Amino acid sequence: MFAVTATRIDAEDPLDGLTLGERPEPDVPEGWTTVTVKAAALNHHDLWSLKGVGLPADRLPMILGCDAAGVDEDGAEVIVHAVIGDPERGGGDETLDPKRTLLSELHPGTLAERVAVPRRNLVPKPAELTFEEAACLPTAWLTAYRMLFDKAALQPGSSVLVQGAGGGVATAAIALASAAGFRVYATSRSGAKRERAAELGADAVLEPGARLPERVDAVIETVGEATWSHSLKSLRPGGRIVVSGATSGAVPPAELNRVFFLQLQVVGSTMGTRAQLERLARFLVKTGTRPPIDRTLPLGRAREGFAAMAGGDLFGKIVFTP
């Protein structure tokens, strides 16, 4: 089968380790099944894998990709949940399983014509969502859903700041927060991305570091060092910052005096559960919200998509169709 594979680790030139071509059909352990992929979405996780983050050289070659929607062995349309973990080991939450991994870290990923996954990782795809839209959900959109509605615990009428509009999680957070009726503020260095964020439903979109119209209940933080101080200063007393990434650096000044004096909360978040993915899909159907897709490419042009992501030349998801 045709697949997109990491064959070499190179932190400086990650695309040098990207190989497109034929790979063996997936192994199917007991309790697993095969999905014929109809659409698969690209994530920064795939670029980081090519740099060796979470993917050591001794696991190569590895088919990349976390996200997919397709058809299972019974002909049902499904979305693939990317977290391979045991809910029991995680106290009912597979993302808290100490042994959990994502597809393409230990087991071959979704950028292929077929992928093998545990049967419990299949979520019914609503007929109202296209395969391309559904393929955008399992990583970035699920992460944003969990951050907003679980970790930030926002209530109707809440306010939220989303840092770094244009990134996958940030884009999803703006759209989901707007659909939920929150007051949404967003930041971006790019004027074009600020315009797109406003189109997604942000009430105000500002340059990084700009003063907000109000102090917010929560901040969705995926940028890290470059925006951390602004995130803390933008919170109301008792507010909560939810972190799921640090693309600009992972060691900002903690500003502990501000944290304890204003009783701020800093909460980490990674991915989401299978049940949350199912609820996310239903939320999109109910609200009419859809993931913005920057471009759809045949899987044979995957290098083009990787290059666009590496260069930051996108707003929304890049989707591949085998």
C-alpha atoms as a PDB file:
ATOM      1  CA  MET A   1       0.000   0.000   0.000  1.00  0.00           C
ATOM      2  CA  PHE A   2       1.084   3.609  -0.541  1.00  0.00           C
ATOM      3  CA  ALA A   3       2.154   5.480   2.606  1.00  0.00           C
ATOM      4  CA  VAL A   4       4.094   8.503   3.910  1.00  0.00           C
ATOM      5  CA  THR A   5       6.928   7.284   6.102  1.00  0.00           C
ATOM      6  CA  ALA A   6       9.631   8.685   8.349  1.00  0.00           C
ATOM      7  CA  THR A   7      12.812   6.890   7.324  1.00  0.00           C
ATOM      8  CA  ARG A   8      15.414   9.215   8.828  1.00  0.00           C
ATOM      9  CA  ILE A   9      15.585  11.633  11.771  1.00  0.00           C
ATOM     10  CA  ASP A  10      16.935  15.107  11.028  1.00  0.00           C
ATOM     11  CA  ALA A  11      16.248  17.904  13.521  1.00  0.00           C
ATOM     12  CA  GLU A  12      17.594  20.581  11.157  1.00  0.00           C
ATOM     13  CA  ASP A  13      15.973  19.399   7.907  1.00  0.00           C
ATOM     14  CA  PRO A  14      13.034  17.188   8.920  1.00  0.00           C
ATOM     15  CA  LEU A  15      11.664  16.824   5.396  1.00  0.00           C
ATOM     16  CA  ASP A  16      14.881  15.078   4.387  1.00  0.00           C
ATOM     17  CA  GLY A  17      13.637  12.021   6.295  1.00  0.00           C
ATOM     18  CA  LEU A  18      10.265  11.918   4.522  1.00  0.00           C
ATOM     19  CA  THR A  19       9.724   9.002   2.137  1.00  0.00           C
ATOM     20  CA  LEU A  20       6.673   8.405  -0.070  1.00  0.00           C
ATOM     21  CA  GLY A  21       6.096   4.962  -1.524  1.00  0.00           C
ATOM     22  CA  GLU A  22       4.951   1.402  -0.989  1.00  0.00           C
ATOM     23  CA  ARG A  23       4.861  -0.129   2.495  1.00  0.00           C
ATOM     24  CA  PRO A  24       3.635  -3.541   3.739  1.00  0.00           C
ATOM     25  CA  GLU A  25      -0.011  -3.911   4.687  1.00  0.00           C
ATOM     26  CA  PRO A  26      -0.595  -3.241   8.410  1.00  0.00           C
ATOM     27  CA  ASP A  27      -0.372  -6.026  10.976  1.00  0.00           C
ATOM     28  CA  VAL A  28      -3.677  -6.543  12.806  1.00  0.00           C
ATOM     29  CA  PRO A  29      -3.223  -7.782  16.407  1.00  0.00           C
ATOM     30  CA  GLU A  30      -6.060  -9.469  18.280  1.00  0.00           C
ATOM     31  CA  GLY A  31      -8.702  -6.894  19.199  1.00  0.00           C
ATOM     32  CA  TRP A  32      -7.631  -4.573  16.382  1.00  0.00           C
ATOM     33  CA  THR A  33      -9.182  -3.896  12.985  1.00  0.00           C
ATOM     34  CA  THR A  34      -8.310  -2.222   9.696  1.00  0.00           C
ATOM     35  CA  VAL A  35      -9.672   1.062   8.359  1.00  0.00           C
ATOM     36  CA  THR A  36      -9.494   2.014   4.700  1.00  0.00           C
ATOM     37  CA  VAL A  37      -8.453   5.660   4.882  1.00  0.00           C
ATOM     38  CA  LYS A  38     -10.562   8.133   2.901  1.00  0.00           C
ATOM     39  CA  ALA A  39      -8.921  11.279   4.309  1.00  0.00           C
ATOM     40  CA  ALA A  40      -6.055  11.991   6.703  1.00  0.00           C
ATOM     41  CA  ALA A  41      -5.011  15.312   8.235  1.00  0.00           C
ATOM     42  CA  LEU A  42      -1.526  16.673   8.880  1.00  0.00           C
ATOM     43  CA  ASN A  43      -0.384  17.846  12.327  1.00  0.00           C
ATOM     44  CA  HIS A  44       2.713  19.505  13.754  1.00  0.00           C
ATOM     45  CA  HIS A  45       3.176  16.174  15.554  1.00  0.00           C
ATOM     46  CA  ASP A  46       4.210  14.726  12.174  1.00  0.00           C
ATOM     47  CA  LEU A  47       6.916  17.356  11.706  1.00  0.00           C
ATOM     48  CA  TRP A  48       8.163  16.846  15.257  1.00  0.00           C
ATOM     49  CA  SER A  49       8.336  13.098  14.614  1.00  0.00           C
ATOM     50  CA  LEU A  50      10.666  13.745  11.667  1.00  0.00           C
ATOM     51  CA  LYS A  51      12.837  15.747  14.087  1.00  0.00           C
ATOM     52  CA  GLY A  52      12.992  12.779  16.459  1.00  0.00           C
ATOM     53  CA  VAL A  53      10.634  14.108  19.136  1.00  0.00           C
ATOM     54  CA  GLY A  54       8.655  11.117  20.425  1.00  0.00           C
ATOM     55  CA  LEU A  55       9.984   8.932  17.618  1.00  0.00           C
ATOM     56  CA  PRO A  56      13.449   7.446  18.261  1.00  0.00           C
ATOM     57  CA  ALA A  57      15.521   6.252  15.339  1.00  0.00           C
ATOM     58  CA  ASP A  58      15.209   2.606  16.403  1.00  0.00           C
ATOM     59  CA  ARG A  59      11.479   2.672  15.513  1.00  0.00           C
ATOM     60  CA  LEU A  60      12.087   3.702  11.912  1.00  0.00           C
ATOM     61  CA  PRO A  61      10.695   3.317   9.349  1.00  0.00           C
ATOM     62  CA  MET A  62       7.400   4.607  10.755  1.00  0.00           C
ATOM     63  CA  ILE A  63       4.272   5.555   8.845  1.00  0.00           C
ATOM     64  CA  LEU A  64       3.337   9.055   9.982  1.00  0.00           C
ATOM     65  CA  GLY A  65      -0.074  10.512  10.805  1.00  0.00           C
ATOM     66  CA  CYS A  66      -2.486  10.641  13.754  1.00  0.00           C
ATOM     67  CA  ASP A  67      -5.745  11.692  12.107  1.00  0.00           C
ATOM     68  CA  ALA A  68      -7.998   9.805   9.713  1.00  0.00           C
ATOM     69  CA  ALA A  69     -11.548   9.101   8.675  1.00  0.00           C
ATOM     70  CA  GLY A  70     -12.497   6.151   6.547  1.00  0.00           C
ATOM     71  CA  VAL A  71     -14.425   2.913   6.245  1.00  0.00           C
ATOM     72  CA  ASP A  72     -14.058  -0.063   8.594  1.00  0.00           C
ATOM     73  CA  GLU A  73     -14.111  -3.743   7.657  1.00  0.00           C
ATOM     74  CA  ASP A  74     -17.925  -3.801   7.907  1.00  0.00           C
ATOM     75  CA  GLY A  75     -18.327  -0.838   5.556  1.00  0.00           C
ATOM     76  CA  ALA A  76     -19.227   1.654   8.305  1.00  0.00           C
ATOM     77  CA  GLU A  77     -17.926   5.227   8.046  1.00  0.00           C
ATOM     78  CA  VAL A  78     -15.695   5.960  11.040  1.00  0.00           C
ATOM     79  CA  ILE A  79     -13.327   8.476  12.619  1.00  0.00           C
ATOM     80  CA  VAL A  80     -10.094   7.101  14.070  1.00  0.00           C
ATOM     81  CA  HIS A  81      -9.266   8.060  17.663  1.00  0.00           C
ATOM     82  CA  ALA A  82      -5.491   8.482  17.718  1.00  0.00           C
ATOM     83  CA  VAL A  83      -4.787   7.717  21.403  1.00  0.00           C
ATOM     84  CA  ILE A  84      -3.660   4.115  21.917  1.00  0.00           C
ATOM     85  CA  GLY A  85      -4.170   3.558  25.617  1.00  0.00           C
ATOM     86  CA  ASP A  86      -6.079   1.669  28.297  1.00  0.00           C
ATOM     87  CA  PRO A  87      -8.766   3.698  30.109  1.00  0.00           C
ATOM     88  CA  GLU A  88      -8.499   1.410  33.137  1.00  0.00           C
ATOM     89  CA  ARG A  89      -4.796   2.225  33.565  1.00  0.00           C
ATOM     90  CA  GLY A  90      -5.716   5.902  33.340  1.00  0.00           C
ATOM     91  CA  GLY A  91      -8.464   5.810  35.945  1.00  0.00           C
ATOM     92  CA  GLY A  92     -11.129   5.930  33.255  1.00  0.00           C
ATOM     93  CA  ASP A  93      -9.223   8.278  30.932  1.00  0.00           C
ATOM     94  CA  GLU A  94      -6.963   6.724  28.289  1.00  0.00           C
ATOM     95  CA  THR A  95      -4.994   9.975  27.940  1.00  0.00           C
ATOM     96  CA  LEU A  96      -3.806   9.477  31.546  1.00  0.00           C
ATOM     97  CA  ASP A  97      -2.577   5.937  30.906  1.00  0.00           C
ATOM     98  CA  PRO A  98       1.177   6.107  31.660  1.00  0.00           C
ATOM     99  CA  LYS A  99       1.791   3.760  28.724  1.00  0.00           C
ATOM    100  CA  ARG A 100      -0.398   5.581  26.198  1.00  0.00           C
ATOM    101  CA  THR A 101       0.953   6.570  22.804  1.00  0.00           C
ATOM    102  CA  LEU A 102      -0.383   8.226  19.686  1.00  0.00           C
ATOM    103  CA  LEU A 103      -0.586   6.561  16.323  1.00  0.00           C
ATOM    104  CA  SER A 104       2.770   6.953  14.503  1.00  0.00           C
ATOM    105  CA  GLU A 105       4.776   6.877  17.751  1.00  0.00           C
ATOM    106  CA  LEU A 106       4.770   3.127  18.435  1.00  0.00           C
ATOM    107  CA  HIS A 107       2.212   1.864  15.916  1.00  0.00           C
ATOM    108  CA  PRO A 108       2.048   2.854  12.216  1.00  0.00           C
ATOM    109  CA  GLY A 109       0.002   5.967  11.532  1.00  0.00           C
ATOM    110  CA  THR A 110      -2.744   7.178   9.253  1.00  0.00           C
ATOM    111  CA  LEU A 111      -0.920   8.689   6.249  1.00  0.00           C
ATOM    112  CA  ALA A 112      -1.511   5.524   4.270  1.00  0.00           C
ATOM    113  CA  GLU A 113      -4.179   3.714   2.308  1.00  0.00           C
ATOM    114  CA  ARG A 114      -5.000   1.574   5.342  1.00  0.00           C
ATOM    115  CA  VAL A 115      -4.337   1.752   9.082  1.00  0.00           C
ATOM    116  CA  ALA A 116      -4.763  -0.794  11.898  1.00  0.00           C
ATOM    117  CA  VAL A 117      -6.252   0.407  15.193  1.00  0.00           C
ATOM    118  CA  PRO A 118      -7.917  -1.105  18.270  1.00  0.00           C
ATOM    119  CA  ARG A 119     -11.629  -1.616  17.644  1.00  0.00           C
ATOM    120  CA  ARG A 120     -12.490   0.671  20.578  1.00  0.00           C
ATOM    121  CA  ASN A 121     -10.714   3.521  18.761  1.00  0.00           C
ATOM    122  CA  LEU A 122     -13.386   3.757  16.082  1.00  0.00           C
ATOM    123  CA  VAL A 123     -15.985   6.509  16.411  1.00  0.00           C
ATOM    124  CA  PRO A 124     -19.018   6.617  14.090  1.00  0.00           C
ATOM    125  CA  LYS A 125     -18.676   9.379  11.505  1.00  0.00           C
ATOM    126  CA  PRO A 126     -21.844  11.462  11.273  1.00  0.00           C
ATOM    127  CA  ALA A 127     -23.228  11.506   7.746  1.00  0.00           C
ATOM    128  CA  GLU A 128     -23.335  15.312   7.912  1.00  0.00           C
ATOM    129  CA  LEU A 129     -19.506  15.504   8.012  1.00  0.00           C
ATOM    130  CA  THR A 130     -17.395  14.825   4.940  1.00  0.00           C
ATOM    131  CA  PHE A 131     -14.442  12.478   5.289  1.00  0.00           C
ATOM    132  CA  GLU A 132     -12.134  15.497   4.917  1.00  0.00           C
ATOM    133  CA  GLU A 133     -13.890  17.404   7.722  1.00  0.00           C
ATOM    134  CA  ALA A 134     -13.991  14.355   9.990  1.00  0.00           C
ATOM    135  CA  ALA A 135     -10.273  13.683   9.452  1.00  0.00           C
ATOM    136  CA  CYS A 136      -9.468  17.082  10.999  1.00  0.00           C
ATOM    137  CA  LEU A 137     -10.974  16.197  14.385  1.00  0.00           C
ATOM    138  CA  PRO A 138      -8.907  13.563  16.258  1.00  0.00           C
ATOM    139  CA  THR A 139      -5.880  15.697  17.230  1.00  0.00           C
ATOM    140  CA  ALA A 140      -6.188  19.502  16.965  1.00  0.00           C
ATOM    141  CA  TRP A 141      -9.954  19.778  17.261  1.00  0.00           C
ATOM    142  CA  LEU A 142     -10.234  17.184  20.000  1.00  0.00           C
ATOM    143  CA  THR A 143      -7.440  18.907  21.929  1.00  0.00           C
ATOM    144  CA  ALA A 144      -9.223  22.265  21.662  1.00  0.00           C
ATOM    145  CA  TYR A 145     -12.568  20.723  22.677  1.00  0.00           C
ATOM    146  CA  ARG A 146     -11.063  19.206  25.824  1.00  0.00           C
ATOM    147  CA  MET A 147      -9.210  22.424  26.687  1.00  0.00           C
ATOM    148  CA  LEU A 148     -12.316  24.591  26.442  1.00  0.00           C
ATOM    149  CA  PHE A 149     -15.061  22.415  27.857  1.00  0.00           C
ATOM    150  CA  ASP A 150     -13.174  20.131  30.259  1.00  0.00           C
ATOM    151  CA  LYS A 151      -9.909  21.657  31.458  1.00  0.00           C
ATOM    152  CA  ALA A 152     -10.969  25.326  31.328  1.00  0.00           C
ATOM    153  CA  ALA A 153     -14.467  24.357  32.548  1.00  0.00           C
ATOM    154  CA  LEU A 154     -15.979  27.389  30.840  1.00  0.00           C
ATOM    155  CA  GLN A 155     -19.656  28.173  31.383  1.00  0.00           C
ATOM    156  CA  PRO A 156     -22.135  29.927  29.048  1.00  0.00           C
ATOM    157  CA  GLY A 157     -21.261  33.613  28.809  1.00  0.00           C
ATOM    158  CA  SER A 158     -17.573  33.050  29.605  1.00  0.00           C
ATOM    159  CA  SER A 159     -14.672  34.899  27.982  1.00  0.00           C
ATOM    160  CA  VAL A 160     -11.540  33.308  26.526  1.00  0.00           C
ATOM    161  CA  LEU A 161      -8.288  34.390  24.894  1.00  0.00           C
ATOM    162  CA  VAL A 162      -6.804  32.141  22.206  1.00  0.00           C
ATOM    163  CA  GLN A 163      -3.122  32.791  21.534  1.00  0.00           C
ATOM    164  CA  GLY A 164      -1.573  32.207  18.104  1.00  0.00           C
ATOM    165  CA  ALA A 165      -4.545  32.212  15.723  1.00  0.00           C
ATOM    166  CA  GLY A 166      -3.735  30.116  12.671  1.00  0.00           C
ATOM    167  CA  GLY A 167      -2.316  27.077  14.451  1.00  0.00           C
ATOM    168  CA  GLY A 168      -4.439  23.940  14.348  1.00  0.00           C
ATOM    169  CA  VAL A 169      -5.506  23.897  18.013  1.00  0.00           C
ATOM    170  CA  ALA A 170      -5.927  27.674  18.152  1.00  0.00           C
ATOM    171  CA  THR A 171      -8.074  27.723  15.019  1.00  0.00           C
ATOM    172  CA  ALA A 172     -10.268  24.965  16.412  1.00  0.00           C
ATOM    173  CA  ALA A 173     -10.548  26.724  19.775  1.00  0.00           C
ATOM    174  CA  ILE A 174     -11.754  29.964  18.160  1.00  0.00           C
ATOM    175  CA  ALA A 175     -14.427  28.181  16.129  1.00  0.00           C
ATOM    176  CA  LEU A 176     -15.620  25.968  19.004  1.00  0.00           C
ATOM    177  CA  ALA A 177     -15.646  28.801  21.548  1.00  0.00           C
ATOM    178  CA  SER A 178     -17.619  31.024  19.199  1.00  0.00           C
ATOM    179  CA  ALA A 179     -20.121  28.232  18.504  1.00  0.00           C
ATOM    180  CA  ALA A 180     -20.553  27.788  22.261  1.00  0.00           C
ATOM    181  CA  GLY A 181     -21.398  31.478  22.695  1.00  0.00           C
ATOM    182  CA  PHE A 182     -18.253  32.569  24.527  1.00  0.00           C
ATOM    183  CA  ARG A 183     -16.701  36.018  24.104  1.00  0.00           C
ATOM    184  CA  VAL A 184     -13.600  35.151  22.098  1.00  0.00           C
ATOM    185  CA  TYR A 185     -10.389  37.143  21.768  1.00  0.00           C
ATOM    186  CA  ALA A 186      -7.468  35.973  19.653  1.00  0.00           C
ATOM    187  CA  THR A 187      -3.957  37.096  18.752  1.00  0.00           C
ATOM    188  CA  SER A 188      -1.725  36.655  15.727  1.00  0.00           C
ATOM    189  CA  ARG A 189       1.338  38.351  14.241  1.00  0.00           C
ATOM    190  CA  SER A 190      -0.210  37.996  10.783  1.00  0.00           C
ATOM    191  CA  GLY A 191      -2.799  40.483   9.566  1.00  0.00           C
ATOM    192  CA  ALA A 192      -4.229  37.895   7.196  1.00  0.00           C
ATOM    193  CA  LYS A 193      -4.599  35.347  10.004  1.00  0.00           C
ATOM    194  CA  ARG A 194      -6.250  37.977  12.202  1.00  0.00           C
ATOM    195  CA  GLU A 195      -8.836  38.496   9.463  1.00  0.00           C
ATOM    196  CA  ARG A 196      -9.433  34.757   9.179  1.00  0.00           C
ATOM    197  CA  ALA A 197      -9.809  34.453  12.973  1.00  0.00           C
ATOM    198  CA  ALA A 198     -12.474  37.158  12.896  1.00  0.00           C
ATOM    199  CA  GLU A 199     -14.290  35.244  10.149  1.00  0.00           C
ATOM    200  CA  LEU A 200     -14.255  32.160  12.410  1.00  0.00           C
ATOM    201  CA  GLY A 201     -16.136  34.094  15.082  1.00  0.00           C
ATOM    202  CA  ALA A 202     -13.557  35.875  17.264  1.00  0.00           C
ATOM    203  CA  ASP A 203     -15.069  39.035  18.777  1.00  0.00           C
ATOM    204  CA  ALA A 204     -11.733  40.853  18.639  1.00  0.00           C
ATOM    205  CA  VAL A 205      -8.403  39.843  17.109  1.00  0.00           C
ATOM    206  CA  LEU A 206      -5.289  41.678  18.214  1.00  0.00           C
ATOM    207  CA  GLU A 207      -1.539  41.717  17.757  1.00  0.00           C
ATOM    208  CA  PRO A 208       0.405  39.619  20.305  1.00  0.00           C
ATOM    209  CA  GLY A 209       0.744  41.397  23.631  1.00  0.00           C
ATOM    210  CA  ALA A 210      -2.053  43.898  22.989  1.00  0.00           C
ATOM    211  CA  ARG A 211      -4.353  44.918  25.832  1.00  0.00           C
ATOM    212  CA  LEU A 212      -7.679  43.088  25.771  1.00  0.00           C
ATOM    213  CA  PRO A 213     -11.066  44.792  26.211  1.00  0.00           C
ATOM    214  CA  GLU A 214     -11.454  42.814  29.439  1.00  0.00           C
ATOM    215  CA  ARG A 215      -9.644  40.277  31.591  1.00  0.00           C
ATOM    216  CA  VAL A 216     -10.763  36.827  30.561  1.00  0.00           C
ATOM    217  CA  ASP A 217     -11.905  33.703  32.374  1.00  0.00           C
ATOM    218  CA  ALA A 218      -9.452  31.434  30.537  1.00  0.00           C
ATOM    219  CA  VAL A 219      -6.565  31.442  28.074  1.00  0.00           C
ATOM    220  CA  ILE A 220      -5.922  28.728  25.481  1.00  0.00           C
ATOM    221  CA  GLU A 221      -2.116  28.598  25.294  1.00  0.00           C
ATOM    222  CA  THR A 222      -0.187  26.670  22.652  1.00  0.00           C
ATOM    223  CA  VAL A 223       2.592  29.181  21.881  1.00  0.00           C
ATOM    224  CA  GLY A 224       4.614  29.117  25.105  1.00  0.00           C
ATOM    225  CA  GLU A 225       7.428  31.530  25.937  1.00  0.00           C
ATOM    226  CA  ALA A 226       6.502  34.246  23.439  1.00  0.00           C
ATOM    227  CA  THR A 227       2.967  34.722  24.796  1.00  0.00           C
ATOM    228  CA  TRP A 228       3.152  33.376  28.368  1.00  0.00           C
ATOM    229  CA  SER A 229       3.461  36.709  30.175  1.00  0.00           C
ATOM    230  CA  HIS A 230       0.624  38.207  28.130  1.00  0.00           C
ATOM    231  CA  SER A 231      -1.520  35.164  28.877  1.00  0.00           C
ATOM    232  CA  LEU A 232      -1.048  35.535  32.625  1.00  0.00           C
ATOM    233  CA  LYS A 233      -1.684  39.292  32.521  1.00  0.00           C
ATOM    234  CA  SER A 234      -4.878  38.772  30.514  1.00  0.00           C
ATOM    235  CA  LEU A 235      -6.547  36.560  33.139  1.00  0.00           C
ATOM    236  CA  ARG A 236      -9.056  37.774  35.696  1.00  0.00           C
ATOM    237  CA  PRO A 237      -8.322  36.895  39.334  1.00  0.00           C
ATOM    238  CA  GLY A 238      -8.982  33.182  39.729  1.00  0.00           C
ATOM    239  CA  GLY A 239      -8.728  32.632  35.972  1.00  0.00           C
ATOM    240  CA  ARG A 240      -7.263  29.582  34.311  1.00  0.00           C
ATOM    241  CA  ILE A 241      -4.616  29.128  31.631  1.00  0.00           C
ATOM    242  CA  VAL A 242      -4.784  25.800  29.787  1.00  0.00           C
ATOM    243  CA  VAL A 243      -1.579  24.682  28.061  1.00  0.00           C
ATOM    244  CA  SER A 244      -1.287  22.081  25.320  1.00  0.00           C
ATOM    245  CA  GLY A 245       1.822  23.243  23.492  1.00  0.00           C
ATOM    246  CA  ALA A 246       4.872  25.479  23.545  1.00  0.00           C
ATOM    247  CA  THR A 247       5.907  26.082  19.946  1.00  0.00           C
ATOM    248  CA  SER A 248       7.979  29.167  20.812  1.00  0.00           C
ATOM    249  CA  GLY A 249       9.750  27.618  23.798  1.00  0.00           C
ATOM    250  CA  ALA A 250       8.894  25.651  26.926  1.00  0.00           C
ATOM    251  CA  VAL A 251      10.676  27.606  29.684  1.00  0.00           C
ATOM    252  CA  PRO A 252       9.052  31.043  30.155  1.00  0.00           C
ATOM    253  CA  PRO A 253       9.443  33.060  33.370  1.00  0.00           C
ATOM    254  CA  ALA A 254       6.881  31.541  35.735  1.00  0.00           C
ATOM    255  CA  GLU A 255       5.787  34.871  37.280  1.00  0.00           C
ATOM    256  CA  LEU A 256       4.849  33.029  40.451  1.00  0.00           C
ATOM    257  CA  ASN A 257       3.995  36.249  42.329  1.00  0.00           C
ATOM    258  CA  ARG A 258       1.221  36.941  39.837  1.00  0.00           C
ATOM    259  CA  VAL A 259       0.070  33.313  39.930  1.00  0.00           C
ATOM    260  CA  PHE A 260      -0.362  33.100  43.688  1.00  0.00           C
ATOM    261  CA  PHE A 261      -1.499  36.680  44.343  1.00  0.00           C
ATOM    262  CA  LEU A 262      -4.287  36.473  41.757  1.00  0.00           C
ATOM    263  CA  GLN A 263      -4.949  32.786  42.526  1.00  0.00           C
ATOM    264  CA  LEU A 264      -4.471  31.808  38.899  1.00  0.00           C
ATOM    265  CA  GLN A 265      -4.592  28.180  37.756  1.00  0.00           C
ATOM    266  CA  VAL A 266      -2.233  26.614  35.225  1.00  0.00           C
ATOM    267  CA  VAL A 267      -3.587  23.368  33.750  1.00  0.00           C
ATOM    268  CA  GLY A 268      -1.992  21.019  31.251  1.00  0.00           C
ATOM    269  CA  SER A 269      -3.997  19.231  28.585  1.00  0.00           C
ATOM    270  CA  THR A 270      -3.175  16.591  25.970  1.00  0.00           C
ATOM    271  CA  MET A 271      -5.522  15.184  23.319  1.00  0.00           C
ATOM    272  CA  GLY A 272      -8.896  13.865  24.535  1.00  0.00           C
ATOM    273  CA  THR A 273     -10.823  10.671  25.169  1.00  0.00           C
ATOM    274  CA  ARG A 274     -12.750   8.577  22.674  1.00  0.00           C
ATOM    275  CA  ALA A 275     -15.986   9.725  24.315  1.00  0.00           C
ATOM    276  CA  GLN A 276     -14.970  13.368  23.898  1.00  0.00           C
ATOM    277  CA  LEU A 277     -14.209  12.764  20.204  1.00  0.00           C
ATOM    278  CA  GLU A 278     -17.706  11.340  19.745  1.00  0.00           C
ATOM    279  CA  ARG A 279     -19.246  14.354  21.523  1.00  0.00           C
ATOM    280  CA  LEU A 280     -17.118  16.743  19.429  1.00  0.00           C
ATOM    281  CA  ALA A 281     -18.469  15.227  16.216  1.00  0.00           C
ATOM    282  CA  ARG A 282     -22.040  15.600  17.487  1.00  0.00           C
ATOM    283  CA  PHE A 283     -21.319  19.206  18.534  1.00  0.00           C
ATOM    284  CA  LEU A 284     -20.241  20.067  14.989  1.00  0.00           C
ATOM    285  CA  VAL A 285     -23.374  18.514  13.537  1.00  0.00           C
ATOM    286  CA  LYS A 286     -25.623  20.384  15.983  1.00  0.00           C
ATOM    287  CA  THR A 287     -23.959  23.798  15.593  1.00  0.00           C
ATOM    288  CA  GLY A 288     -23.029  23.640  11.922  1.00  0.00           C
ATOM    289  CA  THR A 289     -19.399  24.390  12.787  1.00  0.00           C
ATOM    290  CA  ARG A 290     -16.883  22.911  10.365  1.00  0.00           C
ATOM    291  CA  PRO A 291     -13.075  22.754  10.424  1.00  0.00           C
ATOM    292  CA  PRO A 292     -11.521  25.253   7.993  1.00  0.00           C
ATOM    293  CA  ILE A 293      -9.396  23.303   5.520  1.00  0.00           C
ATOM    294  CA  ASP A 294      -6.416  25.174   4.112  1.00  0.00           C
ATOM    295  CA  ARG A 295      -5.923  22.713   1.253  1.00  0.00           C
ATOM    296  CA  THR A 296      -6.678  19.137   0.232  1.00  0.00           C
ATOM    297  CA  LEU A 297      -3.914  17.225  -1.546  1.00  0.00           C
ATOM    298  CA  PRO A 298      -3.533  13.690  -2.863  1.00  0.00           C
ATOM    299  CA  LEU A 299      -1.332  11.632  -0.571  1.00  0.00           C
ATOM    300  CA  GLY A 300       1.269  11.470  -3.323  1.00  0.00           C
ATOM    301  CA  ARG A 301       1.817  15.237  -2.851  1.00  0.00           C
ATOM    302  CA  ALA A 302       2.324  14.941   0.902  1.00  0.00           C
ATOM    303  CA  ARG A 303       5.762  16.590   0.737  1.00  0.00           C
ATOM    304  CA  GLU A 304       4.070  19.770  -0.507  1.00  0.00           C
ATOM    305  CA  GLY A 305       1.789  19.772   2.520  1.00  0.00           C
ATOM    306  CA  PHE A 306       4.644  19.122   4.950  1.00  0.00           C
ATOM    307  CA  ALA A 307       6.614  22.002   3.428  1.00  0.00           C
ATOM    308  CA  ALA A 308       3.656  24.367   3.820  1.00  0.00           C
ATOM    309  CA  MET A 309       3.290  23.446   7.479  1.00  0.00           C
ATOM    310  CA  ALA A 310       7.028  23.788   8.113  1.00  0.00           C
ATOM    311  CA  GLY A 311       6.913  27.269   6.590  1.00  0.00           C
ATOM    312  CA  GLY A 312       3.808  28.346   8.508  1.00  0.00           C
ATOM    313  CA  ASP A 313       2.041  28.943   5.189  1.00  0.00           C
ATOM    314  CA  LEU A 314      -1.437  27.808   6.201  1.00  0.00           C
ATOM    315  CA  PHE A 315      -4.617  28.628   8.109  1.00  0.00           C
ATOM    316  CA  GLY A 316      -6.650  25.587   9.077  1.00  0.00           C
ATOM    317  CA  LYS A 317      -5.908  21.980   8.314  1.00  0.00           C
ATOM    318  CA  ILE A 318      -3.996  20.316   5.484  1.00  0.00           C
ATOM    319  CA  VAL A 319      -5.828  17.160   4.423  1.00  0.00           C
ATOM    320  CA  PHE A 320      -4.525  14.284   2.290  1.00  0.00           C
ATOM    321  CA  THR A 321      -6.694  11.884   0.297  1.00  0.00           C
ATOM    322  CA  PRO A 322      -5.151   8.490  -0.576  1.00  0.00           C
END
